[in-house]
């Protein structure tokens, strides 16, 4: 895949992530959050070059929409990169794609709790539990998107993507 195609795909996913965050911001921030946009991380399963762009998408959305400043901006970038990096690892290790849901649920749930518990003065375990529960829906949606993409494009786009990774 050419650098231009990778850049174009990256820009599309960043725009999609920020747009989804904009329309779901009423329940995507705070102690209880369901971040549907994090389900988009699942596409790094097919496009491993999205690790940094999806981290940047989280950074950008937290910068524009979040209220927790530098913690959310830098932390969101790191959590986004770690989550998508683990999804790429799942693909590279040839593990079942159902496992894509695990990093989408666990990494943001445990990672974001590190600074939100401090900023909101809520014990870490309570904060982490709330965030993990909120990430279950995005985890399931992300896994479903991977399964749908695999079933619809197997032999077509999936083999194209596989040969261009």
Protein backbone atom coordinates (compact mmCIF):
# COMPACT_ATOMS: atom_id res chain seq x y z
CA UNK A 1 0.00 0.00 0.00
CA UNK A 2 1.40 3.39 -0.93
CA UNK A 3 2.16 6.10 1.62
CA UNK A 4 -0.55 8.23 0.05
CA UNK A 5 -3.18 5.51 0.60
CA UNK A 6 -2.03 5.00 4.19
CA UNK A 7 -2.18 8.74 4.83
CA UNK A 8 -5.64 8.99 3.27
CA UNK A 9 -7.00 6.04 5.26
CA UNK A 10 -5.42 7.44 8.43
CA UNK A 11 -7.04 10.85 7.87
CA UNK A 12 -10.43 9.22 7.25
CA UNK A 13 -10.24 7.24 10.50
CA UNK A 14 -9.09 10.27 12.50
CA UNK A 15 -12.03 12.26 11.09
CA UNK A 16 -14.44 9.40 11.81
CA UNK A 17 -13.19 9.03 15.39
CA UNK A 18 -13.47 12.76 16.16
CA UNK A 19 -16.91 12.96 14.51
CA UNK A 20 -18.23 9.99 16.51
CA UNK A 21 -16.80 11.56 19.68
CA UNK A 22 -18.50 14.85 18.87
CA UNK A 23 -21.92 13.23 18.50
CA UNK A 24 -21.50 10.97 21.55
CA UNK A 25 -19.71 13.40 23.88
CA UNK A 26 -22.68 13.59 26.26
CA UNK A 27 -21.90 10.07 27.47
CA UNK A 28 -18.26 9.68 26.37
CA UNK A 29 -16.60 11.74 29.13
CA UNK A 30 -16.57 11.68 32.91
CA UNK A 31 -16.66 9.00 35.60
CA UNK A 32 -19.16 6.89 33.67
CA UNK A 33 -18.35 6.83 29.99
CA UNK A 34 -19.34 4.78 26.99
CA UNK A 35 -16.90 5.76 24.28
CA UNK A 36 -18.40 4.28 21.12
CA UNK A 37 -15.55 5.89 19.16
CA UNK A 38 -13.07 3.46 20.74
CA UNK A 39 -14.73 0.66 18.79
CA UNK A 40 -13.02 2.21 15.74
CA UNK A 41 -9.70 0.98 17.21
CA UNK A 42 -10.74 -2.45 15.91
CA UNK A 43 -9.85 -1.41 12.36
CA UNK A 44 -6.17 -1.51 13.29
CA UNK A 45 -6.69 -5.28 13.00
CA UNK A 46 -6.81 -4.74 9.23
CA UNK A 47 -4.71 -1.59 8.99
CA UNK A 48 -1.80 -1.82 11.47
CA UNK A 49 -0.47 1.56 10.39
CA UNK A 50 -3.44 3.09 12.27
CA UNK A 51 -1.73 2.69 15.67
CA UNK A 52 -0.37 6.25 15.79
CA UNK A 53 -3.24 7.89 13.83
CA UNK A 54 -5.88 6.43 16.16
CA UNK A 55 -3.85 7.52 19.17
CA UNK A 56 -3.71 10.98 17.57
CA UNK A 57 -7.48 10.84 17.00
CA UNK A 58 -7.98 10.27 20.72
CA UNK A 59 -5.54 13.10 21.48
CA UNK A 60 -7.38 15.44 19.12
CA UNK A 61 -10.85 14.59 20.43
CA UNK A 62 -9.69 15.01 24.04
CA UNK A 63 -8.08 18.33 23.14
CA UNK A 64 -11.24 19.62 21.43
CA UNK A 65 -13.94 18.05 23.58
CA UNK A 66 -12.42 16.83 26.85
CA UNK A 67 -12.22 18.76 30.05
CA UNK A 68 -9.25 17.20 31.81
CA UNK A 69 -6.42 18.98 30.01
CA UNK A 70 -2.98 17.54 29.51
CA UNK A 71 -3.77 14.32 31.41
CA UNK A 72 -6.55 13.49 28.96
CA UNK A 73 -4.62 14.68 25.91
CA UNK A 74 -1.36 12.78 26.51
CA UNK A 75 -2.98 9.90 28.37
CA UNK A 76 -5.59 9.44 25.67
CA UNK A 77 -2.88 9.30 23.01
CA UNK A 78 -0.95 6.65 24.96
CA UNK A 79 -4.06 4.59 25.71
CA UNK A 80 -5.14 4.78 22.06
CA UNK A 81 -1.73 3.63 20.84
CA UNK A 82 -1.52 0.82 23.42
CA UNK A 83 -5.03 -0.42 22.58
CA UNK A 84 -4.50 -0.44 18.83
CA UNK A 85 -1.02 -1.90 19.27
CA UNK A 86 -2.48 -4.88 21.13
CA UNK A 87 -5.11 -5.32 18.44
CA UNK A 88 -2.35 -5.45 15.82
CA UNK A 89 -0.53 -8.01 17.99
CA UNK A 90 -3.68 -10.17 18.11
CA UNK A 91 -3.70 -10.15 14.31
CA UNK A 92 0.04 -10.84 13.98
CA UNK A 93 -0.16 -13.76 16.43
CA UNK A 94 -3.07 -15.09 14.38
CA UNK A 95 -5.34 -15.25 17.41
CA UNK A 96 -9.11 -15.34 17.07
CA UNK A 97 -10.46 -11.93 16.04
CA UNK A 98 -13.06 -12.12 18.83
CA UNK A 99 -10.19 -11.15 21.14
CA UNK A 100 -10.20 -7.66 19.58
CA UNK A 101 -12.82 -6.75 22.20
CA UNK A 102 -10.41 -7.41 25.09
CA UNK A 103 -7.95 -4.52 24.57
CA UNK A 104 -10.82 -2.16 23.70
CA UNK A 105 -12.42 -2.97 27.06
CA UNK A 106 -9.40 -3.38 29.32
CA UNK A 107 -6.77 -0.85 28.19
CA UNK A 108 -9.00 2.27 28.23
CA UNK A 109 -10.77 1.01 31.35
CA UNK A 110 -7.62 0.51 33.40
CA UNK A 111 -5.48 3.18 31.74
CA UNK A 112 -7.87 6.14 31.80
CA UNK A 113 -8.74 5.32 35.41
CA UNK A 114 -5.14 6.14 36.35
CA UNK A 115 -5.67 9.88 35.89
CA UNK A 116 -9.44 10.17 36.19
CA UNK A 117 -9.40 8.62 39.67
CA UNK A 118 -6.87 11.25 40.72
CA UNK A 119 -8.64 14.18 39.03
CA UNK A 120 -12.12 13.19 40.23
CA UNK A 121 -10.94 12.01 43.67
CA UNK A 122 -12.49 8.55 43.19
CA UNK A 123 -10.65 5.40 44.31
CA UNK A 124 -8.82 3.77 41.38
CA UNK A 125 -10.61 0.40 41.61
CA UNK A 126 -14.05 2.01 41.57
CA UNK A 127 -13.09 4.30 38.68
CA UNK A 128 -11.54 1.39 36.74
CA UNK A 129 -14.62 -0.77 37.29
CA UNK A 130 -16.89 2.01 36.00
CA UNK A 131 -14.75 2.56 32.92
CA UNK A 132 -14.36 -1.14 32.14
CA UNK A 133 -18.13 -1.61 32.32
CA UNK A 134 -18.59 1.39 30.02
CA UNK A 135 -16.12 -0.06 27.52
CA UNK A 136 -17.99 -3.36 27.14
CA UNK A 137 -20.31 -1.93 24.48
CA UNK A 138 -17.47 -0.42 22.38
CA UNK A 139 -15.53 -3.68 22.75
CA UNK A 140 -18.44 -5.72 21.43
CA UNK A 141 -19.12 -3.23 18.63
CA UNK A 142 -15.43 -3.27 17.62
CA UNK A 143 -15.33 -7.06 17.56
CA UNK A 144 -18.56 -7.15 15.55
CA UNK A 145 -17.14 -4.70 13.01
CA UNK A 146 -14.08 -6.92 12.55
CA UNK A 147 -16.28 -10.00 12.10
CA UNK A 148 -18.54 -8.21 9.60
CA UNK A 149 -15.59 -6.84 7.66
CA UNK A 150 -14.06 -10.32 7.53
CA UNK A 151 -17.26 -12.00 6.37
CA UNK A 152 -18.21 -9.37 3.78
CA UNK A 153 -14.83 -8.87 2.23
CA UNK A 154 -13.11 -12.21 2.70
CA UNK A 155 -11.33 -13.07 -0.50
CA UNK A 156 -11.69 -9.51 -1.75
CA UNK A 157 -10.66 -6.59 0.44
CA UNK A 158 -9.39 -8.80 3.26
CA UNK A 159 -6.92 -10.56 0.99
CA UNK A 160 -5.96 -7.19 -0.51
CA UNK A 161 -5.31 -5.79 2.96
CA UNK A 162 -3.43 -8.92 4.01
CA UNK A 163 -1.15 -8.75 0.97
CA UNK A 164 -0.45 -5.05 1.56
CA UNK A 165 0.34 -5.12 5.28
